All heavy atoms as atom14 arrays in JSON, in Angstrom:
{
  "sequence": "EESEHDSFGAGHAGTALSAALGMATARDLRGTDEHVVAVCGDAAFTC",
  "atom14_mask": [
    [1, 1, 1, 1, 1, 1, 1, 1, 1, 0, 0, 0, 0, 0],
    [1, 1, 1, 1, 1, 1, 1, 1, 1, 0, 0, 0, 0, 0],
    [1, 1, 1, 1, 1, 1, 0, 0, 0, 0, 0, 0, 0, 0],
    [1, 1, 1, 1, 1, 1, 1, 1, 1, 0, 0, 0, 0, 0],
    [1, 1, 1, 1, 1, 1, 1, 1, 1, 1, 0, 0, 0, 0],
    [1, 1, 1, 1, 1, 1, 1, 1, 0, 0, 0, 0, 0, 0],
    [1, 1, 1, 1, 1, 1, 0, 0, 0, 0, 0, 0, 0, 0],
    [1, 1, 1, 1, 1, 1, 1, 1, 1, 1, 1, 0, 0, 0],
    [1, 1, 1, 1, 0, 0, 0, 0, 0, 0, 0, 0, 0, 0],
    [1, 1, 1, 1, 1, 0, 0, 0, 0, 0, 0, 0, 0, 0],
    [1, 1, 1, 1, 0, 0, 0, 0, 0, 0, 0, 0, 0, 0],
    [1, 1, 1, 1, 1, 1, 1, 1, 1, 1, 0, 0, 0, 0],
    [1, 1, 1, 1, 1, 0, 0, 0, 0, 0, 0, 0, 0, 0],
    [1, 1, 1, 1, 0, 0, 0, 0, 0, 0, 0, 0, 0, 0],
    [1, 1, 1, 1, 1, 1, 1, 0, 0, 0, 0, 0, 0, 0],
    [1, 1, 1, 1, 1, 0, 0, 0, 0, 0, 0, 0, 0, 0],
    [1, 1, 1, 1, 1, 1, 1, 1, 0, 0, 0, 0, 0, 0],
    [1, 1, 1, 1, 1, 1, 0, 0, 0, 0, 0, 0, 0, 0],
    [1, 1, 1, 1, 1, 0, 0, 0, 0, 0, 0, 0, 0, 0],
    [1, 1, 1, 1, 1, 0, 0, 0, 0, 0, 0, 0, 0, 0],
    [1, 1, 1, 1, 1, 1, 1, 1, 0, 0, 0, 0, 0, 0],
    [1, 1, 1, 1, 0, 0, 0, 0, 0, 0, 0, 0, 0, 0],
    [1, 1, 1, 1, 1, 1, 1, 1, 0, 0, 0, 0, 0, 0],
    [1, 1, 1, 1, 1, 0, 0, 0, 0, 0, 0, 0, 0, 0],
    [1, 1, 1, 1, 1, 1, 1, 0, 0, 0, 0, 0, 0, 0],
    [1, 1, 1, 1, 1, 0, 0, 0, 0, 0, 0, 0, 0, 0],
    [1, 1, 1, 1, 1, 1, 1, 1, 1, 1, 1, 0, 0, 0],
    [1, 1, 1, 1, 1, 1, 1, 1, 0, 0, 0, 0, 0, 0],
    [1, 1, 1, 1, 1, 1, 1, 1, 0, 0, 0, 0, 0, 0],
    [1, 1, 1, 1, 1, 1, 1, 1, 1, 1, 1, 0, 0, 0],
    [1, 1, 1, 1, 0, 0, 0, 0, 0, 0, 0, 0, 0, 0],
    [1, 1, 1, 1, 1, 1, 1, 0, 0, 0, 0, 0, 0, 0],
    [1, 1, 1, 1, 1, 1, 1, 1, 0, 0, 0, 0, 0, 0],
    [1, 1, 1, 1, 1, 1, 1, 1, 1, 0, 0, 0, 0, 0],
    [1, 1, 1, 1, 1, 1, 1, 1, 1, 1, 0, 0, 0, 0],
    [1, 1, 1, 1, 1, 1, 1, 0, 0, 0, 0, 0, 0, 0],
    [1, 1, 1, 1, 1, 1, 1, 0, 0, 0, 0, 0, 0, 0],
    [1, 1, 1, 1, 1, 0, 0, 0, 0, 0, 0, 0, 0, 0],
    [1, 1, 1, 1, 1, 1, 1, 0, 0, 0, 0, 0, 0, 0],
    [1, 1, 1, 1, 1, 1, 0, 0, 0, 0, 0, 0, 0, 0],
    [1, 1, 1, 1, 0, 0, 0, 0, 0, 0, 0, 0, 0, 0],
    [1, 1, 1, 1, 1, 1, 1, 1, 0, 0, 0, 0, 0, 0],
    [1, 1, 1, 1, 1, 0, 0, 0, 0, 0, 0, 0, 0, 0],
    [1, 1, 1, 1, 1, 0, 0, 0, 0, 0, 0, 0, 0, 0],
    [1, 1, 1, 1, 1, 1, 1, 1, 1, 1, 1, 0, 0, 0],
    [1, 1, 1, 1, 1, 1, 1, 0, 0, 0, 0, 0, 0, 0],
    [1, 1, 1, 1, 1, 1, 0, 0, 0, 0, 0, 0, 0, 0]
  ],
  "atom14_positions": [
    [[17.21, 17.59, 50.63], [17.71, 18.99, 51.03], [16.57, 20.0, 50.86], [16.6, 21.04, 51.41], [18.77, 19.35, 50.2], [20.18, 18.41, 50.45], [21.35, 18.84, 49.6], [21.26, 19.86, 48.86], [22.35, 18.13, 49.78], [0.0, 0.0, 0.0], [0.0, 0.0, 0.0], [0.0, 0.0, 0.0], [0.0, 0.0, 0.0], [0.0, 0.0, 0.0]],
    [[15.54, 19.68, 50.11], [14.45, 20.66, 49.88], [13.45, 20.68, 50.94], [12.88, 21.81, 51.21], [13.84, 20.32, 48.54], [12.8, 21.37, 48.02], [12.22, 21.04, 46.71], [13.0, 21.11, 45.71], [10.98, 20.58, 46.6], [0.0, 0.0, 0.0], [0.0, 0.0, 0.0], [0.0, 0.0, 0.0], [0.0, 0.0, 0.0], [0.0, 0.0, 0.0]],
    [[13.14, 19.54, 51.62], [12.08, 19.56, 52.62], [12.27, 18.38, 53.5], [12.65, 17.23, 53.1], [10.72, 19.54, 51.89], [9.72, 19.27, 52.9], [0.0, 0.0, 0.0], [0.0, 0.0, 0.0], [0.0, 0.0, 0.0], [0.0, 0.0, 0.0], [0.0, 0.0, 0.0], [0.0, 0.0, 0.0], [0.0, 0.0, 0.0], [0.0, 0.0, 0.0]],
    [[11.93, 18.58, 54.76], [11.91, 17.42, 55.74], [10.88, 16.37, 55.38], [10.92, 15.32, 55.92], [11.67, 17.9, 57.15], [10.31, 18.58, 57.4], [10.2, 19.09, 58.74], [11.02, 18.63, 59.66], [9.16, 19.77, 59.07], [0.0, 0.0, 0.0], [0.0, 0.0, 0.0], [0.0, 0.0, 0.0], [0.0, 0.0, 0.0], [0.0, 0.0, 0.0]],
    [[9.96, 16.76, 54.56], [8.82, 15.85, 54.11], [9.3, 14.95, 53.0], [8.63, 13.95, 52.72], [7.62, 16.57, 53.69], [6.98, 17.44, 54.8], [6.14, 16.84, 55.74], [7.1, 18.68, 55.07], [5.74, 17.77, 56.56], [6.24, 18.93, 56.26], [0.0, 0.0, 0.0], [0.0, 0.0, 0.0], [0.0, 0.0, 0.0], [0.0, 0.0, 0.0]],
    [[10.48, 15.22, 52.46], [11.01, 14.34, 51.39], [12.0, 13.36, 52.1], [13.18, 13.76, 52.27], [11.73, 15.19, 50.36], [10.78, 16.04, 49.46], [9.6, 15.89, 49.73], [11.16, 16.79, 48.61], [0.0, 0.0, 0.0], [0.0, 0.0, 0.0], [0.0, 0.0, 0.0], [0.0, 0.0, 0.0], [0.0, 0.0, 0.0], [0.0, 0.0, 0.0]],
    [[11.54, 12.2, 52.35], [12.4, 11.24, 53.21], [13.53, 10.6, 52.32], [14.45, 10.15, 52.86], [11.52, 10.27, 53.84], [10.89, 9.45, 52.86], [0.0, 0.0, 0.0], [0.0, 0.0, 0.0], [0.0, 0.0, 0.0], [0.0, 0.0, 0.0], [0.0, 0.0, 0.0], [0.0, 0.0, 0.0], [0.0, 0.0, 0.0], [0.0, 0.0, 0.0]],
    [[13.29, 10.58, 51.03], [14.29, 9.84, 50.2], [14.19, 10.43, 48.75], [13.18, 10.6, 48.25], [13.97, 8.33, 50.13], [15.05, 7.48, 49.58], [16.0, 7.09, 50.5], [15.19, 7.09, 48.33], [17.14, 6.3, 50.08], [16.31, 6.31, 47.88], [17.19, 5.91, 48.74], [0.0, 0.0, 0.0], [0.0, 0.0, 0.0], [0.0, 0.0, 0.0]],
    [[15.33, 10.78, 48.18], [15.41, 11.41, 46.91], [15.51, 10.32, 45.84], [15.87, 9.18, 46.07], [0.0, 0.0, 0.0], [0.0, 0.0, 0.0], [0.0, 0.0, 0.0], [0.0, 0.0, 0.0], [0.0, 0.0, 0.0], [0.0, 0.0, 0.0], [0.0, 0.0, 0.0], [0.0, 0.0, 0.0], [0.0, 0.0, 0.0], [0.0, 0.0, 0.0]],
    [[15.05, 10.67, 44.63], [15.08, 9.66, 43.59], [14.96, 10.39, 42.23], [14.57, 11.54, 42.18], [13.91, 8.67, 43.7], [0.0, 0.0, 0.0], [0.0, 0.0, 0.0], [0.0, 0.0, 0.0], [0.0, 0.0, 0.0], [0.0, 0.0, 0.0], [0.0, 0.0, 0.0], [0.0, 0.0, 0.0], [0.0, 0.0, 0.0], [0.0, 0.0, 0.0]],
    [[15.19, 9.66, 41.17], [15.05, 10.16, 39.86], [15.03, 9.01, 38.83], [14.71, 9.15, 37.67], [0.0, 0.0, 0.0], [0.0, 0.0, 0.0], [0.0, 0.0, 0.0], [0.0, 0.0, 0.0], [0.0, 0.0, 0.0], [0.0, 0.0, 0.0], [0.0, 0.0, 0.0], [0.0, 0.0, 0.0], [0.0, 0.0, 0.0], [0.0, 0.0, 0.0]],
    [[15.37, 7.87, 39.33], [15.41, 6.63, 38.58], [14.34, 5.67, 39.12], [14.07, 5.62, 40.3], [16.78, 5.86, 38.7], [17.83, 6.65, 37.99], [19.28, 6.24, 37.89], [17.83, 7.9, 37.34], [19.97, 7.08, 37.28], [19.21, 8.12, 36.95], [0.0, 0.0, 0.0], [0.0, 0.0, 0.0], [0.0, 0.0, 0.0], [0.0, 0.0, 0.0]],
    [[13.82, 4.84, 38.2], [12.66, 3.94, 38.64], [13.17, 2.7, 39.47], [14.33, 2.3, 39.24], [12.0, 3.52, 37.45], [0.0, 0.0, 0.0], [0.0, 0.0, 0.0], [0.0, 0.0, 0.0], [0.0, 0.0, 0.0], [0.0, 0.0, 0.0], [0.0, 0.0, 0.0], [0.0, 0.0, 0.0], [0.0, 0.0, 0.0], [0.0, 0.0, 0.0]],
    [[12.26, 2.22, 40.26], [12.45, 0.97, 40.9], [13.21, 0.99, 42.29], [13.48, -0.05, 42.85], [0.0, 0.0, 0.0], [0.0, 0.0, 0.0], [0.0, 0.0, 0.0], [0.0, 0.0, 0.0], [0.0, 0.0, 0.0], [0.0, 0.0, 0.0], [0.0, 0.0, 0.0], [0.0, 0.0, 0.0], [0.0, 0.0, 0.0], [0.0, 0.0, 0.0]],
    [[13.41, 2.25, 42.76], [14.23, 2.35, 43.94], [13.44, 2.35, 45.21], [13.92, 2.13, 46.37], [15.07, 3.61, 43.97], [14.31, 4.75, 43.93], [16.0, 3.58, 42.73], [0.0, 0.0, 0.0], [0.0, 0.0, 0.0], [0.0, 0.0, 0.0], [0.0, 0.0, 0.0], [0.0, 0.0, 0.0], [0.0, 0.0, 0.0], [0.0, 0.0, 0.0]],
    [[12.08, 2.69, 45.1], [11.31, 2.98, 46.3], [11.19, 1.8, 47.22], [11.29, 2.0, 48.52], [9.87, 3.46, 45.89], [0.0, 0.0, 0.0], [0.0, 0.0, 0.0], [0.0, 0.0, 0.0], [0.0, 0.0, 0.0], [0.0, 0.0, 0.0], [0.0, 0.0, 0.0], [0.0, 0.0, 0.0], [0.0, 0.0, 0.0], [0.0, 0.0, 0.0]],
    [[10.92, 0.72, 46.79], [10.59, -0.52, 47.63], [11.8, -0.87, 48.47], [11.63, -1.07, 49.69], [10.03, -1.71, 46.87], [9.47, -2.79, 47.73], [8.48, -2.35, 48.77], [8.79, -3.95, 46.78], [0.0, 0.0, 0.0], [0.0, 0.0, 0.0], [0.0, 0.0, 0.0], [0.0, 0.0, 0.0], [0.0, 0.0, 0.0], [0.0, 0.0, 0.0]],
    [[12.95, -0.97, 47.87], [14.14, -1.23, 48.57], [14.49, -0.13, 49.64], [14.84, -0.57, 50.81], [15.36, -1.37, 47.62], [15.3, -2.6, 46.81], [0.0, 0.0, 0.0], [0.0, 0.0, 0.0], [0.0, 0.0, 0.0], [0.0, 0.0, 0.0], [0.0, 0.0, 0.0], [0.0, 0.0, 0.0], [0.0, 0.0, 0.0], [0.0, 0.0, 0.0]],
    [[14.4, 1.04, 49.36], [14.7, 2.15, 50.19], [13.73, 2.09, 51.34], [14.09, 2.26, 52.47], [14.68, 3.5, 49.52], [0.0, 0.0, 0.0], [0.0, 0.0, 0.0], [0.0, 0.0, 0.0], [0.0, 0.0, 0.0], [0.0, 0.0, 0.0], [0.0, 0.0, 0.0], [0.0, 0.0, 0.0], [0.0, 0.0, 0.0], [0.0, 0.0, 0.0]],
    [[12.37, 1.89, 51.08], [11.42, 1.88, 52.1], [11.52, 0.66, 53.02], [11.36, 0.83, 54.21], [9.94, 1.97, 51.48], [0.0, 0.0, 0.0], [0.0, 0.0, 0.0], [0.0, 0.0, 0.0], [0.0, 0.0, 0.0], [0.0, 0.0, 0.0], [0.0, 0.0, 0.0], [0.0, 0.0, 0.0], [0.0, 0.0, 0.0], [0.0, 0.0, 0.0]],
    [[11.99, -0.44, 52.52], [12.25, -1.56, 53.34], [13.29, -1.32, 54.22], [13.35, -1.73, 55.31], [12.4, -2.77, 52.41], [12.72, -4.13, 53.14], [11.52, -4.49, 54.03], [12.83, -5.35, 52.05], [0.0, 0.0, 0.0], [0.0, 0.0, 0.0], [0.0, 0.0, 0.0], [0.0, 0.0, 0.0], [0.0, 0.0, 0.0], [0.0, 0.0, 0.0]],
    [[14.44, -0.7, 53.73], [15.58, -0.33, 54.55], [15.13, 0.6, 55.72], [15.52, 0.49, 56.93], [0.0, 0.0, 0.0], [0.0, 0.0, 0.0], [0.0, 0.0, 0.0], [0.0, 0.0, 0.0], [0.0, 0.0, 0.0], [0.0, 0.0, 0.0], [0.0, 0.0, 0.0], [0.0, 0.0, 0.0], [0.0, 0.0, 0.0], [0.0, 0.0, 0.0]],
    [[14.26, 1.57, 55.41], [13.76, 2.52, 56.36], [12.94, 1.77, 57.51], [13.01, 2.01, 58.67], [13.03, 3.68, 55.66], [14.02, 4.52, 54.87], [13.17, 5.53, 53.58], [12.42, 6.74, 54.68], [0.0, 0.0, 0.0], [0.0, 0.0, 0.0], [0.0, 0.0, 0.0], [0.0, 0.0, 0.0], [0.0, 0.0, 0.0], [0.0, 0.0, 0.0]],
    [[12.04, 0.95, 57.04], [11.14, 0.14, 57.87], [11.95, -0.61, 58.83], [11.64, -0.81, 60.04], [10.11, -0.55, 57.07], [0.0, 0.0, 0.0], [0.0, 0.0, 0.0], [0.0, 0.0, 0.0], [0.0, 0.0, 0.0], [0.0, 0.0, 0.0], [0.0, 0.0, 0.0], [0.0, 0.0, 0.0], [0.0, 0.0, 0.0], [0.0, 0.0, 0.0]],
    [[12.94, -1.36, 58.26], [13.72, -2.25, 59.11], [14.6, -1.44, 60.1], [14.75, -1.88, 61.24], [14.74, -3.05, 58.15], [14.05, -3.77, 57.16], [15.55, -4.02, 58.94], [0.0, 0.0, 0.0], [0.0, 0.0, 0.0], [0.0, 0.0, 0.0], [0.0, 0.0, 0.0], [0.0, 0.0, 0.0], [0.0, 0.0, 0.0], [0.0, 0.0, 0.0]],
    [[15.11, -0.22, 59.7], [15.78, 0.7, 60.64], [14.84, 1.09, 61.73], [15.24, 1.05, 62.93], [16.34, 1.83, 59.91], [0.0, 0.0, 0.0], [0.0, 0.0, 0.0], [0.0, 0.0, 0.0], [0.0, 0.0, 0.0], [0.0, 0.0, 0.0], [0.0, 0.0, 0.0], [0.0, 0.0, 0.0], [0.0, 0.0, 0.0], [0.0, 0.0, 0.0]],
    [[13.62, 1.35, 61.45], [12.56, 1.74, 62.49], [12.43, 0.6, 63.45], [12.44, 0.77, 64.62], [11.28, 1.9, 61.75], [10.11, 2.16, 62.74], [8.8, 1.78, 62.04], [8.78, 0.47, 61.52], [7.97, 0.05, 60.51], [7.17, 0.86, 59.9], [7.99, -1.21, 60.18], [0.0, 0.0, 0.0], [0.0, 0.0, 0.0], [0.0, 0.0, 0.0]],
    [[12.34, -0.67, 62.87], [12.17, -1.84, 63.74], [13.37, -1.98, 64.71], [13.31, -2.31, 65.97], [12.0, -3.21, 62.94], [10.75, -3.02, 62.13], [9.84, -2.13, 62.5], [10.59, -3.88, 61.14], [0.0, 0.0, 0.0], [0.0, 0.0, 0.0], [0.0, 0.0, 0.0], [0.0, 0.0, 0.0], [0.0, 0.0, 0.0], [0.0, 0.0, 0.0]],
    [[14.63, -1.8, 64.16], [15.86, -1.95, 64.92], [15.94, -0.89, 65.99], [16.49, -1.09, 67.08], [17.09, -1.87, 64.02], [17.21, -3.07, 62.99], [18.27, -2.75, 62.06], [17.57, -4.33, 63.86], [0.0, 0.0, 0.0], [0.0, 0.0, 0.0], [0.0, 0.0, 0.0], [0.0, 0.0, 0.0], [0.0, 0.0, 0.0], [0.0, 0.0, 0.0]],
    [[15.44, 0.34, 65.79], [15.58, 1.45, 66.58], [14.36, 1.43, 67.71], [14.43, 2.1, 68.68], [15.49, 2.77, 65.88], [16.7, 2.98, 64.97], [16.59, 4.09, 63.99], [16.12, 5.34, 64.7], [15.24, 6.27, 64.2], [14.71, 6.0, 63.09], [14.89, 7.27, 64.85], [0.0, 0.0, 0.0], [0.0, 0.0, 0.0], [0.0, 0.0, 0.0]],
    [[13.28, 0.67, 67.38], [12.24, 0.54, 68.35], [11.33, 1.64, 68.23], [10.55, 1.88, 69.25], [0.0, 0.0, 0.0], [0.0, 0.0, 0.0], [0.0, 0.0, 0.0], [0.0, 0.0, 0.0], [0.0, 0.0, 0.0], [0.0, 0.0, 0.0], [0.0, 0.0, 0.0], [0.0, 0.0, 0.0], [0.0, 0.0, 0.0], [0.0, 0.0, 0.0]],
    [[11.24, 2.37, 67.12], [10.18, 3.49, 66.98], [9.01, 2.91, 66.24], [8.92, 1.76, 65.83], [10.85, 4.71, 66.23], [11.44, 4.13, 65.04], [11.96, 5.24, 67.01], [0.0, 0.0, 0.0], [0.0, 0.0, 0.0], [0.0, 0.0, 0.0], [0.0, 0.0, 0.0], [0.0, 0.0, 0.0], [0.0, 0.0, 0.0], [0.0, 0.0, 0.0]],
    [[7.93, 3.82, 66.07], [6.68, 3.28, 65.56], [6.18, 4.02, 64.37], [4.98, 3.89, 64.11], [5.61, 3.25, 66.68], [5.32, 4.65, 67.19], [6.02, 5.7, 66.74], [4.49, 4.77, 68.06], [0.0, 0.0, 0.0], [0.0, 0.0, 0.0], [0.0, 0.0, 0.0], [0.0, 0.0, 0.0], [0.0, 0.0, 0.0], [0.0, 0.0, 0.0]],
    [[6.98, 4.81, 63.67], [6.48, 5.48, 62.5], [6.07, 4.59, 61.43], [6.54, 3.38, 61.37], [7.48, 6.53, 62.05], [8.72, 5.97, 61.33], [9.87, 5.68, 62.47], [9.61, 5.78, 63.64], [11.05, 5.47, 62.03], [0.0, 0.0, 0.0], [0.0, 0.0, 0.0], [0.0, 0.0, 0.0], [0.0, 0.0, 0.0], [0.0, 0.0, 0.0]],
    [[5.24, 5.05, 60.43], [4.87, 4.26, 59.35], [5.8, 4.62, 58.15], [6.22, 5.73, 57.93], [3.42, 4.55, 58.93], [2.48, 4.25, 60.01], [2.0, 2.86, 60.34], [1.74, 4.98, 60.93], [1.2, 2.95, 61.3], [1.02, 4.15, 61.7], [0.0, 0.0, 0.0], [0.0, 0.0, 0.0], [0.0, 0.0, 0.0], [0.0, 0.0, 0.0]],
    [[6.05, 3.63, 57.34], [6.73, 3.75, 56.07], [5.85, 3.37, 54.93], [5.32, 2.19, 54.97], [8.1, 3.06, 56.08], [8.91, 3.33, 54.79], [9.0, 3.41, 57.3], [0.0, 0.0, 0.0], [0.0, 0.0, 0.0], [0.0, 0.0, 0.0], [0.0, 0.0, 0.0], [0.0, 0.0, 0.0], [0.0, 0.0, 0.0], [0.0, 0.0, 0.0]],
    [[5.78, 4.2, 53.9], [4.93, 3.95, 52.7], [5.7, 4.12, 51.48], [6.29, 5.09, 51.21], [3.68, 4.93, 52.73], [2.8, 4.59, 51.54], [2.96, 4.89, 53.96], [0.0, 0.0, 0.0], [0.0, 0.0, 0.0], [0.0, 0.0, 0.0], [0.0, 0.0, 0.0], [0.0, 0.0, 0.0], [0.0, 0.0, 0.0], [0.0, 0.0, 0.0]],
    [[5.83, 3.04, 50.68], [6.41, 3.1, 49.43], [5.31, 3.29, 48.35], [4.35, 2.45, 48.22], [7.13, 1.77, 49.12], [0.0, 0.0, 0.0], [0.0, 0.0, 0.0], [0.0, 0.0, 0.0], [0.0, 0.0, 0.0], [0.0, 0.0, 0.0], [0.0, 0.0, 0.0], [0.0, 0.0, 0.0], [0.0, 0.0, 0.0], [0.0, 0.0, 0.0]],
    [[5.46, 4.3, 47.54], [4.5, 4.59, 46.41], [5.2, 4.25, 45.12], [6.05, 4.9, 44.64], [4.02, 6.05, 46.42], [3.0, 6.35, 45.38], [3.52, 6.48, 47.79], [0.0, 0.0, 0.0], [0.0, 0.0, 0.0], [0.0, 0.0, 0.0], [0.0, 0.0, 0.0], [0.0, 0.0, 0.0], [0.0, 0.0, 0.0], [0.0, 0.0, 0.0]],
    [[4.78, 3.03, 44.53], [5.46, 2.53, 43.34], [4.5, 2.66, 42.13], [3.34, 2.15, 42.24], [5.87, 1.15, 43.62], [6.86, 0.83, 45.13], [0.0, 0.0, 0.0], [0.0, 0.0, 0.0], [0.0, 0.0, 0.0], [0.0, 0.0, 0.0], [0.0, 0.0, 0.0], [0.0, 0.0, 0.0], [0.0, 0.0, 0.0], [0.0, 0.0, 0.0]],
    [[5.02, 3.0, 41.05], [4.22, 2.92, 39.89], [4.21, 1.41, 39.36], [5.13, 0.67, 39.75], [0.0, 0.0, 0.0], [0.0, 0.0, 0.0], [0.0, 0.0, 0.0], [0.0, 0.0, 0.0], [0.0, 0.0, 0.0], [0.0, 0.0, 0.0], [0.0, 0.0, 0.0], [0.0, 0.0, 0.0], [0.0, 0.0, 0.0], [0.0, 0.0, 0.0]],
    [[3.21, 1.15, 38.57], [3.08, -0.26, 38.02], [4.43, -0.68, 37.22], [4.88, -1.86, 37.35], [1.9, -0.54, 37.24], [1.64, 0.55, 36.21], [2.37, 1.68, 36.26], [0.8, 0.44, 35.44], [0.0, 0.0, 0.0], [0.0, 0.0, 0.0], [0.0, 0.0, 0.0], [0.0, 0.0, 0.0], [0.0, 0.0, 0.0], [0.0, 0.0, 0.0]],
    [[4.99, 0.34, 36.56], [6.24, -0.05, 35.84], [7.4, -0.33, 36.71], [8.29, -0.96, 36.2], [6.61, 1.11, 34.87], [0.0, 0.0, 0.0], [0.0, 0.0, 0.0], [0.0, 0.0, 0.0], [0.0, 0.0, 0.0], [0.0, 0.0, 0.0], [0.0, 0.0, 0.0], [0.0, 0.0, 0.0], [0.0, 0.0, 0.0], [0.0, 0.0, 0.0]],
    [[7.35, 0.12, 37.96], [8.46, -0.1, 38.87], [8.59, -1.7, 39.06], [9.73, -2.12, 39.38], [8.34, 0.51, 40.18], [0.0, 0.0, 0.0], [0.0, 0.0, 0.0], [0.0, 0.0, 0.0], [0.0, 0.0, 0.0], [0.0, 0.0, 0.0], [0.0, 0.0, 0.0], [0.0, 0.0, 0.0], [0.0, 0.0, 0.0], [0.0, 0.0, 0.0]],
    [[7.48, -2.44, 38.93], [7.56, -3.82, 39.14], [8.09, -4.57, 37.96], [8.29, -5.8, 38.0], [6.15, -4.34, 39.58], [5.79, -4.06, 40.94], [5.2, -2.78, 41.21], [6.12, -4.85, 41.95], [4.92, -2.45, 42.5], [5.79, -4.48, 43.33], [5.27, -3.25, 43.56], [0.0, 0.0, 0.0], [0.0, 0.0, 0.0], [0.0, 0.0, 0.0]],
    [[8.53, -3.86, 36.88], [9.36, -4.51, 35.72], [10.83, -4.29, 36.06], [11.58, -4.81, 35.37], [8.94, -3.83, 34.48], [9.43, -2.46, 34.37], [7.56, -3.87, 34.2], [0.0, 0.0, 0.0], [0.0, 0.0, 0.0], [0.0, 0.0, 0.0], [0.0, 0.0, 0.0], [0.0, 0.0, 0.0], [0.0, 0.0, 0.0], [0.0, 0.0, 0.0]],
    [[11.09, -3.58, 37.11], [12.56, -3.39, 37.45], [13.07, -4.55, 38.34], [12.36, -4.91, 39.3], [12.71, -2.08, 38.22], [12.45, -0.53, 37.32], [0.0, 0.0, 0.0], [0.0, 0.0, 0.0], [0.0, 0.0, 0.0], [0.0, 0.0, 0.0], [0.0, 0.0, 0.0], [0.0, 0.0, 0.0], [0.0, 0.0, 0.0], [0.0, 0.0, 0.0]]
  ]
}
């Protein structure tokens, strides 16, 4: 709600990769060509 540049809200760890994968898959289903980038901390991979 704060900015169009914030594509996904978060506050808990470990959510980025699943959300980004969902967005990338939706892109593929829709036939668009935007890039999706998940920025994950190293600790996220303990989730």
